Structure formats: C-alpha cells, structure tokens
Amino acid sequence: MDLLVNQINLSQEEKQFFAENGFIKLKKLLTNEAIDALRELTSKATKSPPKFYSGDFSKMGYDVEEAITRDIYSSANFKDVLNQLTNNRGVAFIQGIGFELEPNQKGFNWHHDILSFCYVMPQDWAYTMWIPLDPINIKEQHGGLSYVSRQVHSARQYFDMVYQLVQQENISEFSQTEEFKDWNFQYASPVETFLLDKNKVEDDFEVGDALLLDKFVWHKSCTLKEGKLPSRMAYVMRFVDRQARYSRVFIEGTYSILNSTTKDLDSDIGYQLGKFLQDGDIISDNLESLKSY
C-alpha cells in the first residue's frame, strides 16, 4: 500500500503553519499509481449533478469509495502524514467524493464545510483533502481552489451559531419566515466575499500533490479556463479527528434549516452514522458498523 503514498517528513514550521492557518499543500503525497486509480474511480463514479445542485460542475458523485481509497488511507505513510498534522491524534476516513469541471464552469462559491460535517460536534476537528487529478496551472487554465487563512476569517462562528440556533424554541417556525430564507448560512455574504477575495491563497498543483483543509477554512473553486485540458477532475477525501464526537442534535437541526432554504443535499452519511451512534459517541469507534451496513 505504501507504493501509493510517498513518505513525507514535515518540518516544525510546516506543522505550525497548518495549526495556525488551517490548510497545507502536501507536495507529491500520492504516487502516479494512486492518481491513475483515483482517476479511473472518479471517471466511472461521477455523473451529471441534479438541477437543484448549487455547484457548477459537469459531473459529481458522493460516497465514491473502492479498494483504492481504503488502500490509500490505510497506508502507513498516509497515516504518518496525518498524525504529524494532528498532534498524533490521527483521523478516520468518512467519505470520498468526485468532481469534474469543464471550461468556464465555476464549481462552488466561497463556503465552509458545515454541511459536510454537521454530524460532528461543532468544536471537534474534521478535515477535507482535495486531490486534483489533473495539473493545476493558475496562469494557463487555473481550475484549482482558493482558500483563506483562519487567522484572516474563520468559519468557526458559523458552526457555533448554527448549533446554538437549532436548539432554540420555535426555530422551525422562524425558519419558514422570509427573513430567515434570505440567510444562506453555507456561503459567504457579499461583505465576507470581499474580504475573502482580498486575502485568498491560490497554488499551482502537480499531479500527486494534495491540499488538506480543516473544516473552519473558507474555500472556493476557481473557474477552469479554456485551454488544452478538456476538463479538470478532483477526488476529495473527508476525515474526522479520532476523538471527534457525533451530534444528532446538530445534524437534524442543520438539515431542517437546509430544507427551509434549499434542497442542496446529496449525501446522507450523517444519518447513516446515526443508525449506530448517539450524541457524544466517538465517531471513529463505530465506523466498522457503518462500513458493514
């Protein structure tokens, strides 16, 4: 399995950078063999998104996972990299996702990962690893990601606020009002967009590079320009901290709010976990039940 993942020894400065900013580019994390297998998986497992989907993609697919996915996250080298970045707490794999952009498509606007991790207690850690399956060259075609340091603007307040909001009396009635429906809690406001655009970080990526983000980092897709690449594919892996706890209150409340404003939901992974977990249960302790379900 270590033929799929390269050994990476991060410096103390790199680990500190991730701890402070919430993102890090991991150069040459994956081998060509791993990328080729993920490309094949993504190609066959993605399809045209539904009309209500808020992302502008040619193809997408949730819960995309095969043996190659398990071989990657089970690799000793992969575990070592994530241990280095989480103070040896480690992570547990939750979900694989595939996306494909064609020229002039915009992907997602500025957002955070509250919908991806609303089944996790708001203060607990969770992570997204973005793996481009085509080279990202900002000047030529772009099609990569933009992201902003947590030191500039963190999304933590949204997790805390929504968690408190869903526990209030009469939230169901309030969520039906026009004032509430105008609030899109998963995307940046115009003021936030201005701030994020002014402080965004963008990188070129070679095939094999990966980007790790924690759940509080604002990020967005970048439009794929016309050029030699007919499309840009990426594979996303989502993880929770080994000590992250399940929250039925958070997921049920968040989905209730979501249903009041949009139908933008394409995975029931949180509800699937809820078949085996109670509030406060350690998620990683119960993943075998989910995988065998």
C-alpha atoms as a PDB file:
ATOM      1  CA  MET A   1       0.000   0.000   0.000  1.00  0.00           C
ATOM      2  CA  ASP A   2       2.917   2.356   0.577  1.00  0.00           C
ATOM      3  CA  LEU A   3       3.534   2.196  -3.173  1.00  0.00           C
ATOM      4  CA  LEU A   4       0.518   4.529  -3.358  1.00  0.00           C
ATOM      5  CA  VAL A   5       1.633   7.155  -0.823  1.00  0.00           C
ATOM      6  CA  ASN A   6       5.038   8.776  -0.557  1.00  0.00           C
ATOM      7  CA  GLN A   7       6.780   9.319   2.760  1.00  0.00           C
ATOM      8  CA  ILE A   8       6.694  12.978   3.772  1.00  0.00           C
ATOM      9  CA  ASN A   9       8.533  14.409   6.752  1.00  0.00           C
ATOM     10  CA  LEU A  10       7.086  17.793   7.618  1.00  0.00           C
ATOM     11  CA  SER A  11       9.152  20.474   9.310  1.00  0.00           C
ATOM     12  CA  GLN A  12       8.073  22.052  12.590  1.00  0.00           C
ATOM     13  CA  GLU A  13       7.393  25.253  10.639  1.00  0.00           C
ATOM     14  CA  GLU A  14       5.049  23.420   8.255  1.00  0.00           C
ATOM     15  CA  LYS A  15       3.152  21.786  11.112  1.00  0.00           C
ATOM     16  CA  GLN A  16       2.858  25.124  12.869  1.00  0.00           C
ATOM     17  CA  PHE A  17       1.638  26.768   9.659  1.00  0.00           C
ATOM     18  CA  PHE A  18      -1.173  24.216   9.383  1.00  0.00           C
ATOM     19  CA  ALA A  19      -2.111  24.630  13.050  1.00  0.00           C
ATOM     20  CA  GLU A  20      -2.360  28.402  12.666  1.00  0.00           C
ATOM     21  CA  ASN A  21      -3.866  28.729   9.182  1.00  0.00           C
ATOM     22  CA  GLY A  22      -5.906  25.545   8.754  1.00  0.00           C
ATOM     23  CA  PHE A  23      -4.533  24.494   5.371  1.00  0.00           C
ATOM     24  CA  ILE A  24      -1.390  22.991   3.887  1.00  0.00           C
ATOM     25  CA  LYS A  25      -0.257  21.881   0.438  1.00  0.00           C
ATOM     26  CA  LEU A  26       1.283  18.418   0.541  1.00  0.00           C
ATOM     27  CA  LYS A  27       3.681  18.053  -2.364  1.00  0.00           C
ATOM     28  CA  LYS A  28       3.945  14.641  -4.014  1.00  0.00           C
ATOM     29  CA  LEU A  29       1.843  12.919  -1.391  1.00  0.00           C
ATOM     30  CA  LEU A  30       0.447  10.380  -3.853  1.00  0.00           C
ATOM     31  CA  THR A  31       2.237   8.307  -6.467  1.00  0.00           C
ATOM     32  CA  ASN A  32       1.260   8.112 -10.130  1.00  0.00           C
ATOM     33  CA  GLU A  33      -0.221   4.686  -9.468  1.00  0.00           C
ATOM     34  CA  ALA A  34      -2.568   6.143  -6.863  1.00  0.00           C
ATOM     35  CA  ILE A  35      -3.583   9.052  -9.084  1.00  0.00           C
ATOM     36  CA  ASP A  36      -4.291   6.770 -12.053  1.00  0.00           C
ATOM     37  CA  ALA A  37      -6.524   4.574  -9.893  1.00  0.00           C
ATOM     38  CA  LEU A  38      -8.372   7.560  -8.418  1.00  0.00           C
ATOM     39  CA  ARG A  39      -8.885   8.976 -11.899  1.00  0.00           C
ATOM     40  CA  GLU A  40     -10.434   5.710 -13.063  1.00  0.00           C
ATOM     41  CA  LEU A  41     -12.662   5.595  -9.982  1.00  0.00           C
ATOM     42  CA  THR A  42     -13.782   9.214 -10.378  1.00  0.00           C
ATOM     43  CA  SER A  43     -14.480   8.792 -14.090  1.00  0.00           C
ATOM     44  CA  LYS A  44     -16.852   5.879 -13.602  1.00  0.00           C
ATOM     45  CA  ALA A  45     -18.491   7.015 -10.347  1.00  0.00           C
ATOM     46  CA  THR A  46     -19.477  10.585 -11.217  1.00  0.00           C
ATOM     47  CA  LYS A  47     -22.492  11.781 -13.193  1.00  0.00           C
ATOM     48  CA  SER A  48     -24.299  14.971 -14.114  1.00  0.00           C
ATOM     49  CA  PRO A  49     -25.450  16.800 -10.965  1.00  0.00           C
ATOM     50  CA  PRO A  50     -29.162  17.331 -10.246  1.00  0.00           C
ATOM     51  CA  LYS A  51     -30.714  20.620 -11.344  1.00  0.00           C
ATOM     52  CA  PHE A  52     -31.016  21.942  -7.787  1.00  0.00           C
ATOM     53  CA  TYR A  53     -27.312  21.412  -7.051  1.00  0.00           C
ATOM     54  CA  SER A  54     -25.626  24.692  -6.101  1.00  0.00           C
ATOM     55  CA  GLY A  55     -22.210  23.791  -7.521  1.00  0.00           C
ATOM     56  CA  ASP A  56     -21.400  24.431 -11.181  1.00  0.00           C
ATOM     57  CA  PHE A  57     -19.831  21.121 -12.250  1.00  0.00           C
ATOM     58  CA  SER A  58     -20.144  18.849 -15.256  1.00  0.00           C
ATOM     59  CA  LYS A  59     -20.074  15.720 -13.061  1.00  0.00           C
ATOM     60  CA  MET A  60     -20.103  14.884  -9.375  1.00  0.00           C
ATOM     61  CA  GLY A  61     -20.508  11.860  -7.149  1.00  0.00           C
ATOM     62  CA  TYR A  62     -20.828  11.358  -3.388  1.00  0.00           C
ATOM     63  CA  ASP A  63     -19.852   8.297  -1.357  1.00  0.00           C
ATOM     64  CA  VAL A  64     -17.316   7.343  -4.020  1.00  0.00           C
ATOM     65  CA  GLU A  65     -15.116   4.677  -2.490  1.00  0.00           C
ATOM     66  CA  GLU A  66     -13.404   1.483  -3.634  1.00  0.00           C
ATOM     67  CA  ALA A  67     -10.405  -0.580  -2.586  1.00  0.00           C
ATOM     68  CA  ILE A  68      -8.007   2.110  -3.842  1.00  0.00           C
ATOM     69  CA  THR A  69      -9.487   4.606  -1.388  1.00  0.00           C
ATOM     70  CA  ARG A  70      -9.082   2.220   1.531  1.00  0.00           C
ATOM     71  CA  ASP A  71      -5.555   1.321   0.449  1.00  0.00           C
ATOM     72  CA  ILE A  72      -4.567   5.000   0.432  1.00  0.00           C
ATOM     73  CA  TYR A  73      -5.939   5.984   3.831  1.00  0.00           C
ATOM     74  CA  SER A  74      -4.755   2.703   5.375  1.00  0.00           C
ATOM     75  CA  SER A  75      -1.190   3.266   4.169  1.00  0.00           C
ATOM     76  CA  ALA A  76       1.420   3.726   6.889  1.00  0.00           C
ATOM     77  CA  ASN A  77       2.846   6.722   5.038  1.00  0.00           C
ATOM     78  CA  PHE A  78      -0.580   8.358   4.778  1.00  0.00           C
ATOM     79  CA  LYS A  79      -1.325   7.800   8.468  1.00  0.00           C
ATOM     80  CA  ASP A  80       2.073   9.216   9.364  1.00  0.00           C
ATOM     81  CA  VAL A  81       1.446  12.476   7.482  1.00  0.00           C
ATOM     82  CA  LEU A  82      -1.951  12.974   9.129  1.00  0.00           C
ATOM     83  CA  ASN A  83      -0.523  12.124  12.538  1.00  0.00           C
ATOM     84  CA  GLN A  84       2.150  14.762  12.057  1.00  0.00           C
ATOM     85  CA  LEU A  85      -0.548  17.362  11.371  1.00  0.00           C
ATOM     86  CA  THR A  86      -2.934  16.373  14.174  1.00  0.00           C
ATOM     87  CA  ASN A  87      -0.505  16.048  17.079  1.00  0.00           C
ATOM     88  CA  ASN A  88      -0.679  12.258  16.739  1.00  0.00           C
ATOM     89  CA  ARG A  89      -4.442  12.120  17.280  1.00  0.00           C
ATOM     90  CA  GLY A  90      -4.927  10.755  13.769  1.00  0.00           C
ATOM     91  CA  VAL A  91      -8.038  10.751  11.607  1.00  0.00           C
ATOM     92  CA  ALA A  92     -10.763   8.367  10.462  1.00  0.00           C
ATOM     93  CA  PHE A  93     -11.956   8.280   6.857  1.00  0.00           C
ATOM     94  CA  ILE A  94     -15.613   9.161   6.357  1.00  0.00           C
ATOM     95  CA  GLN A  95     -16.360   9.767   2.699  1.00  0.00           C
ATOM     96  CA  GLY A  96     -14.985  10.003  -0.840  1.00  0.00           C
ATOM     97  CA  ILE A  97     -16.337  12.471  -3.424  1.00  0.00           C
ATOM     98  CA  GLY A  98     -15.571  13.074  -7.090  1.00  0.00           C
ATOM     99  CA  PHE A  99     -15.906  16.312  -9.074  1.00  0.00           C
ATOM    100  CA  GLU A 100     -15.280  17.294 -12.676  1.00  0.00           C
ATOM    101  CA  LEU A 101     -15.119  20.818 -14.105  1.00  0.00           C
ATOM    102  CA  GLU A 102     -15.348  21.702 -17.789  1.00  0.00           C
ATOM    103  CA  PRO A 103     -14.086  25.029 -19.210  1.00  0.00           C
ATOM    104  CA  ASN A 104     -15.952  28.114 -17.922  1.00  0.00           C
ATOM    105  CA  GLN A 105     -17.582  26.239 -15.062  1.00  0.00           C
ATOM    106  CA  LYS A 106     -17.199  27.872 -11.649  1.00  0.00           C
ATOM    107  CA  GLY A 107     -17.609  24.999  -9.179  1.00  0.00           C
ATOM    108  CA  PHE A 108     -18.537  26.271  -5.687  1.00  0.00           C
ATOM    109  CA  ASN A 109     -18.543  29.857  -4.447  1.00  0.00           C
ATOM    110  CA  TRP A 110     -16.932  30.756  -1.103  1.00  0.00           C
ATOM    111  CA  HIS A 111     -18.126  28.259   1.503  1.00  0.00           C
ATOM    112  CA  HIS A 112     -17.130  26.316   4.582  1.00  0.00           C
ATOM    113  CA  ASP A 113     -17.772  22.667   5.414  1.00  0.00           C
ATOM    114  CA  ILE A 114     -20.691  22.885   7.820  1.00  0.00           C
ATOM    115  CA  LEU A 115     -22.919  20.707   5.632  1.00  0.00           C
ATOM    116  CA  SER A 116     -20.136  18.184   5.188  1.00  0.00           C
ATOM    117  CA  PHE A 117     -19.537  17.860   8.925  1.00  0.00           C
ATOM    118  CA  CYS A 118     -22.764  18.869  10.679  1.00  0.00           C
ATOM    119  CA  TYR A 119     -22.874  15.445  12.336  1.00  0.00           C
ATOM    120  CA  VAL A 120     -19.656  16.314  14.215  1.00  0.00           C
ATOM    121  CA  MET A 121     -19.766  18.321  17.447  1.00  0.00           C
ATOM    122  CA  PRO A 122     -19.064  21.907  16.325  1.00  0.00           C
ATOM    123  CA  GLN A 123     -15.870  22.303  18.351  1.00  0.00           C
ATOM    124  CA  ASP A 124     -14.380  18.970  17.219  1.00  0.00           C
ATOM    125  CA  TRP A 125     -11.981  18.707  14.302  1.00  0.00           C
ATOM    126  CA  ALA A 126     -12.667  17.358  10.822  1.00  0.00           C
ATOM    127  CA  TYR A 127     -10.740  17.664   7.561  1.00  0.00           C
ATOM    128  CA  THR A 128     -11.087  17.703   3.798  1.00  0.00           C
ATOM    129  CA  MET A 129      -8.296  16.521   1.498  1.00  0.00           C
ATOM    130  CA  TRP A 130      -8.589  17.822  -2.050  1.00  0.00           C
ATOM    131  CA  ILE A 131      -6.654  15.795  -4.620  1.00  0.00           C
ATOM    132  CA  PRO A 132      -6.504  17.253  -8.148  1.00  0.00           C
ATOM    133  CA  LEU A 133      -6.273  14.522 -10.779  1.00  0.00           C
ATOM    134  CA  ASP A 134      -5.068  16.965 -13.431  1.00  0.00           C
ATOM    135  CA  PRO A 135      -2.305  19.577 -13.130  1.00  0.00           C
ATOM    136  CA  ILE A 136      -3.393  22.989 -11.848  1.00  0.00           C
ATOM    137  CA  ASN A 137      -1.627  25.900 -13.534  1.00  0.00           C
ATOM    138  CA  ILE A 138      -3.051  29.233 -12.419  1.00  0.00           C
ATOM    139  CA  LYS A 139      -1.758  31.255 -15.376  1.00  0.00           C
ATOM    140  CA  GLU A 140      -2.727  28.750 -18.067  1.00  0.00           C
ATOM    141  CA  GLN A 141      -6.152  27.363 -17.089  1.00  0.00           C
ATOM    142  CA  HIS A 142      -6.490  27.542 -13.322  1.00  0.00           C
ATOM    143  CA  GLY A 143      -9.435  25.360 -12.229  1.00  0.00           C
ATOM    144  CA  GLY A 144      -7.955  24.908  -8.757  1.00  0.00           C
ATOM    145  CA  LEU A 145      -9.045  26.224  -5.363  1.00  0.00           C
ATOM    146  CA  SER A 146      -8.829  29.471  -3.421  1.00  0.00           C
ATOM    147  CA  TYR A 147      -8.605  29.377   0.367  1.00  0.00           C
ATOM    148  CA  VAL A 148      -8.155  31.842   3.198  1.00  0.00           C
ATOM    149  CA  SER A 149      -6.283  31.516   6.461  1.00  0.00           C
ATOM    150  CA  ARG A 150      -8.308  31.082   9.634  1.00  0.00           C
ATOM    151  CA  GLN A 151      -6.263  33.974  11.008  1.00  0.00           C
ATOM    152  CA  VAL A 152      -7.965  36.274   8.490  1.00  0.00           C
ATOM    153  CA  HIS A 153     -11.506  34.917   8.716  1.00  0.00           C
ATOM    154  CA  SER A 154     -12.514  31.661  10.368  1.00  0.00           C
ATOM    155  CA  ALA A 155     -15.809  29.860   9.796  1.00  0.00           C
ATOM    156  CA  ARG A 156     -15.856  28.569  13.375  1.00  0.00           C
ATOM    157  CA  GLN A 157     -18.508  31.132  14.325  1.00  0.00           C
ATOM    158  CA  TYR A 158     -20.945  29.585  11.833  1.00  0.00           C
ATOM    159  CA  PHE A 159     -20.611  26.146  13.388  1.00  0.00           C
ATOM    160  CA  ASP A 160     -21.145  27.581  16.864  1.00  0.00           C
ATOM    161  CA  MET A 161     -24.044  29.829  15.823  1.00  0.00           C
ATOM    162  CA  VAL A 162     -25.963  27.197  13.859  1.00  0.00           C
ATOM    163  CA  TYR A 163     -25.507  24.686  16.686  1.00  0.00           C
ATOM    164  CA  GLN A 164     -27.000  27.169  19.146  1.00  0.00           C
ATOM    165  CA  LEU A 165     -29.692  28.247  16.699  1.00  0.00           C
ATOM    166  CA  VAL A 166     -31.087  24.760  16.103  1.00  0.00           C
ATOM    167  CA  GLN A 167     -31.613  24.299  19.854  1.00  0.00           C
ATOM    168  CA  GLN A 168     -33.840  27.349  20.248  1.00  0.00           C
ATOM    169  CA  GLU A 169     -37.579  27.098  20.758  1.00  0.00           C
ATOM    170  CA  ASN A 170     -39.714  27.912  17.719  1.00  0.00           C
ATOM    171  CA  ILE A 171     -36.778  27.620  15.318  1.00  0.00           C
ATOM    172  CA  SER A 172     -38.997  25.552  12.998  1.00  0.00           C
ATOM    173  CA  GLU A 173     -41.491  28.405  12.734  1.00  0.00           C
ATOM    174  CA  PHE A 174     -38.797  31.053  12.369  1.00  0.00           C
ATOM    175  CA  SER A 175     -37.070  29.084   9.616  1.00  0.00           C
ATOM    176  CA  GLN A 176     -40.208  29.455   7.491  1.00  0.00           C
ATOM    177  CA  THR A 177     -40.078  33.270   7.515  1.00  0.00           C
ATOM    178  CA  GLU A 178     -38.854  35.306   4.567  1.00  0.00           C
ATOM    179  CA  GLU A 179     -36.143  36.898   6.714  1.00  0.00           C
ATOM    180  CA  PHE A 180     -34.703  33.508   7.508  1.00  0.00           C
ATOM    181  CA  LYS A 181     -34.922  32.200   3.956  1.00  0.00           C
ATOM    182  CA  ASP A 182     -32.746  35.091   2.800  1.00  0.00           C
ATOM    183  CA  TRP A 183     -29.921  33.785   5.014  1.00  0.00           C
ATOM    184  CA  ASN A 184     -27.639  31.334   3.215  1.00  0.00           C
ATOM    185  CA  PHE A 185     -25.558  30.008   6.077  1.00  0.00           C
ATOM    186  CA  GLN A 186     -23.242  27.834   3.981  1.00  0.00           C
ATOM    187  CA  TYR A 187     -21.991  30.530   1.585  1.00  0.00           C
ATOM    188  CA  ALA A 188     -20.193  33.829   2.171  1.00  0.00           C
ATOM    189  CA  SER A 189     -22.110  37.097   2.338  1.00  0.00           C
ATOM    190  CA  PRO A 190     -21.124  39.938  -0.054  1.00  0.00           C
ATOM    191  CA  VAL A 191     -19.052  41.563   2.708  1.00  0.00           C
ATOM    192  CA  GLU A 192     -17.322  38.281   3.523  1.00  0.00           C
ATOM    193  CA  THR A 193     -16.739  37.638  -0.183  1.00  0.00           C
ATOM    194  CA  PHE A 194     -14.936  40.970  -0.473  1.00  0.00           C
ATOM    195  CA  LEU A 195     -12.692  40.103   2.486  1.00  0.00           C
ATOM    196  CA  LEU A 196     -12.031  36.568   1.263  1.00  0.00           C
ATOM    197  CA  ASP A 197     -11.214  37.670  -2.282  1.00  0.00           C
ATOM    198  CA  LYS A 198      -8.688  40.171  -0.933  1.00  0.00           C
ATOM    199  CA  ASN A 199      -6.909  37.558   1.176  1.00  0.00           C
ATOM    200  CA  LYS A 200      -7.154  34.389  -0.900  1.00  0.00           C
ATOM    201  CA  VAL A 201      -4.314  31.949  -1.386  1.00  0.00           C
ATOM    202  CA  GLU A 202      -4.011  30.023  -4.655  1.00  0.00           C
ATOM    203  CA  ASP A 203      -1.392  27.474  -5.641  1.00  0.00           C
ATOM    204  CA  ASP A 204      -0.297  25.524  -8.677  1.00  0.00           C
ATOM    205  CA  PHE A 205      -0.577  21.754  -8.176  1.00  0.00           C
ATOM    206  CA  GLU A 206       1.280  18.967  -9.873  1.00  0.00           C
ATOM    207  CA  VAL A 207      -0.386  15.590 -10.201  1.00  0.00           C
ATOM    208  CA  GLY A 208       0.248  13.825  -6.899  1.00  0.00           C
ATOM    209  CA  ASP A 209       0.009  16.975  -4.768  1.00  0.00           C
ATOM    210  CA  ALA A 210      -2.866  17.336  -2.305  1.00  0.00           C
ATOM    211  CA  LEU A 211      -4.402  20.096  -0.211  1.00  0.00           C
ATOM    212  CA  LEU A 212      -5.552  19.490   3.370  1.00  0.00           C
ATOM    213  CA  LEU A 213      -8.110  21.880   4.893  1.00  0.00           C
ATOM    214  CA  ASP A 214      -9.726  21.816   8.291  1.00  0.00           C
ATOM    215  CA  LYS A 215     -13.493  22.349   8.467  1.00  0.00           C
ATOM    216  CA  PHE A 216     -13.229  26.016   9.526  1.00  0.00           C
ATOM    217  CA  VAL A 217     -11.348  27.179   6.402  1.00  0.00           C
ATOM    218  CA  TRP A 218     -13.266  29.209   3.818  1.00  0.00           C
ATOM    219  CA  HIS A 219     -12.563  27.982   0.275  1.00  0.00           C
ATOM    220  CA  LYS A 220     -13.967  28.109  -3.242  1.00  0.00           C
ATOM    221  CA  SER A 221     -13.463  26.608  -6.677  1.00  0.00           C
ATOM    222  CA  CYS A 222     -11.714  28.569  -9.418  1.00  0.00           C
ATOM    223  CA  THR A 223     -13.139  28.649 -12.920  1.00  0.00           C
ATOM    224  CA  LEU A 224     -11.431  26.365 -15.420  1.00  0.00           C
ATOM    225  CA  LYS A 225     -10.332  28.498 -18.357  1.00  0.00           C
ATOM    226  CA  GLU A 226     -10.303  27.386 -21.972  1.00  0.00           C
ATOM    227  CA  GLY A 227      -7.116  25.506 -22.820  1.00  0.00           C
ATOM    228  CA  LYS A 228      -5.539  22.164 -23.536  1.00  0.00           C
ATOM    229  CA  LEU A 229      -7.289  20.367 -20.667  1.00  0.00           C
ATOM    230  CA  PRO A 230     -10.820  19.354 -21.730  1.00  0.00           C
ATOM    231  CA  SER A 231     -11.792  19.092 -18.059  1.00  0.00           C
ATOM    232  CA  ARG A 232     -10.372  19.014 -14.549  1.00  0.00           C
ATOM    233  CA  MET A 233     -11.141  16.132 -12.214  1.00  0.00           C
ATOM    234  CA  ALA A 234     -10.562  16.032  -8.479  1.00  0.00           C
ATOM    235  CA  TYR A 235     -11.118  13.488  -5.744  1.00  0.00           C
ATOM    236  CA  VAL A 236     -11.999  14.574  -2.224  1.00  0.00           C
ATOM    237  CA  MET A 237     -11.472  12.575   0.949  1.00  0.00           C
ATOM    238  CA  ARG A 238     -13.196  13.595   4.176  1.00  0.00           C
ATOM    239  CA  PHE A 239     -11.937  12.677   7.632  1.00  0.00           C
ATOM    240  CA  VAL A 240     -12.876  13.226  11.245  1.00  0.00           C
ATOM    241  CA  ASP A 241     -10.469  13.511  14.131  1.00  0.00           C
ATOM    242  CA  ARG A 242     -10.102  10.229  16.020  1.00  0.00           C
ATOM    243  CA  GLN A 243     -11.644  11.907  19.064  1.00  0.00           C
ATOM    244  CA  ALA A 244     -14.476  13.690  17.191  1.00  0.00           C
ATOM    245  CA  ARG A 245     -17.938  13.089  18.642  1.00  0.00           C
ATOM    246  CA  TYR A 246     -21.276  12.563  16.927  1.00  0.00           C
ATOM    247  CA  SER A 247     -24.072  15.122  17.282  1.00  0.00           C
ATOM    248  CA  ARG A 248     -27.598  14.078  16.363  1.00  0.00           C
ATOM    249  CA  VAL A 249     -28.879  17.478  17.517  1.00  0.00           C
ATOM    250  CA  PHE A 250     -26.558  19.312  15.117  1.00  0.00           C
ATOM    251  CA  ILE A 251     -27.274  17.214  12.046  1.00  0.00           C
ATOM    252  CA  GLU A 252     -31.050  17.076  12.472  1.00  0.00           C
ATOM    253  CA  GLY A 253     -31.241  20.799  13.165  1.00  0.00           C
ATOM    254  CA  THR A 254     -28.923  21.750  10.302  1.00  0.00           C
ATOM    255  CA  TYR A 255     -30.797  19.609   7.795  1.00  0.00           C
ATOM    256  CA  SER A 256     -34.066  21.098   9.000  1.00  0.00           C
ATOM    257  CA  ILE A 257     -32.724  24.580   8.314  1.00  0.00           C
ATOM    258  CA  LEU A 258     -31.361  23.439   4.966  1.00  0.00           C
ATOM    259  CA  ASN A 259     -34.745  22.115   3.895  1.00  0.00           C
ATOM    260  CA  SER A 260     -36.233  25.527   4.650  1.00  0.00           C
ATOM    261  CA  THR A 261     -33.872  27.330   2.296  1.00  0.00           C
ATOM    262  CA  THR A 262     -32.729  24.870  -0.387  1.00  0.00           C
ATOM    263  CA  LYS A 263     -32.656  21.191  -1.306  1.00  0.00           C
ATOM    264  CA  ASP A 264     -28.891  21.151  -1.803  1.00  0.00           C
ATOM    265  CA  LEU A 265     -28.128  17.798  -0.210  1.00  0.00           C
ATOM    266  CA  ASP A 266     -26.532  14.826  -1.928  1.00  0.00           C
ATOM    267  CA  SER A 267     -25.280  12.603   0.869  1.00  0.00           C
ATOM    268  CA  ASP A 268     -26.929  11.052   3.892  1.00  0.00           C
ATOM    269  CA  ILE A 269     -23.674   9.938   5.515  1.00  0.00           C
ATOM    270  CA  GLY A 270     -24.573  11.719   8.751  1.00  0.00           C
ATOM    271  CA  TYR A 271     -27.905   9.933   9.003  1.00  0.00           C
ATOM    272  CA  GLN A 272     -26.240   6.620   8.223  1.00  0.00           C
ATOM    273  CA  LEU A 273     -23.878   7.202  11.137  1.00  0.00           C
ATOM    274  CA  GLY A 274     -26.880   7.991  13.308  1.00  0.00           C
ATOM    275  CA  LYS A 275     -28.081   4.404  12.986  1.00  0.00           C
ATOM    276  CA  PHE A 276     -25.175   3.340  15.174  1.00  0.00           C
ATOM    277  CA  LEU A 277     -24.341   6.460  17.202  1.00  0.00           C
ATOM    278  CA  GLN A 278     -25.838   8.549  19.981  1.00  0.00           C
ATOM    279  CA  ASP A 279     -24.992  12.125  20.897  1.00  0.00           C
ATOM    280  CA  GLY A 280     -21.438  12.282  22.216  1.00  0.00           C
ATOM    281  CA  ASP A 281     -20.304   8.901  20.878  1.00  0.00           C
ATOM    282  CA  ILE A 282     -16.803   8.804  19.368  1.00  0.00           C
ATOM    283  CA  ILE A 283     -17.383   8.504  15.620  1.00  0.00           C
ATOM    284  CA  SER A 284     -14.228   6.551  14.811  1.00  0.00           C
ATOM    285  CA  ASP A 285     -15.180   3.822  17.310  1.00  0.00           C
ATOM    286  CA  ASN A 286     -18.269   2.953  15.288  1.00  0.00           C
ATOM    287  CA  LEU A 287     -17.183   3.220  11.652  1.00  0.00           C
ATOM    288  CA  GLU A 288     -16.935  -0.538  11.181  1.00  0.00           C
ATOM    289  CA  SER A 289     -20.679  -0.764  11.782  1.00  0.00           C
ATOM    290  CA  LEU A 290     -21.289   1.814   9.053  1.00  0.00           C
ATOM    291  CA  LYS A 291     -18.942   0.163   6.532  1.00  0.00           C
ATOM    292  CA  SER A 292     -20.553  -3.231   7.027  1.00  0.00           C
ATOM    293  CA  TYR A 293     -24.112  -1.891   6.916  1.00  0.00           C
END
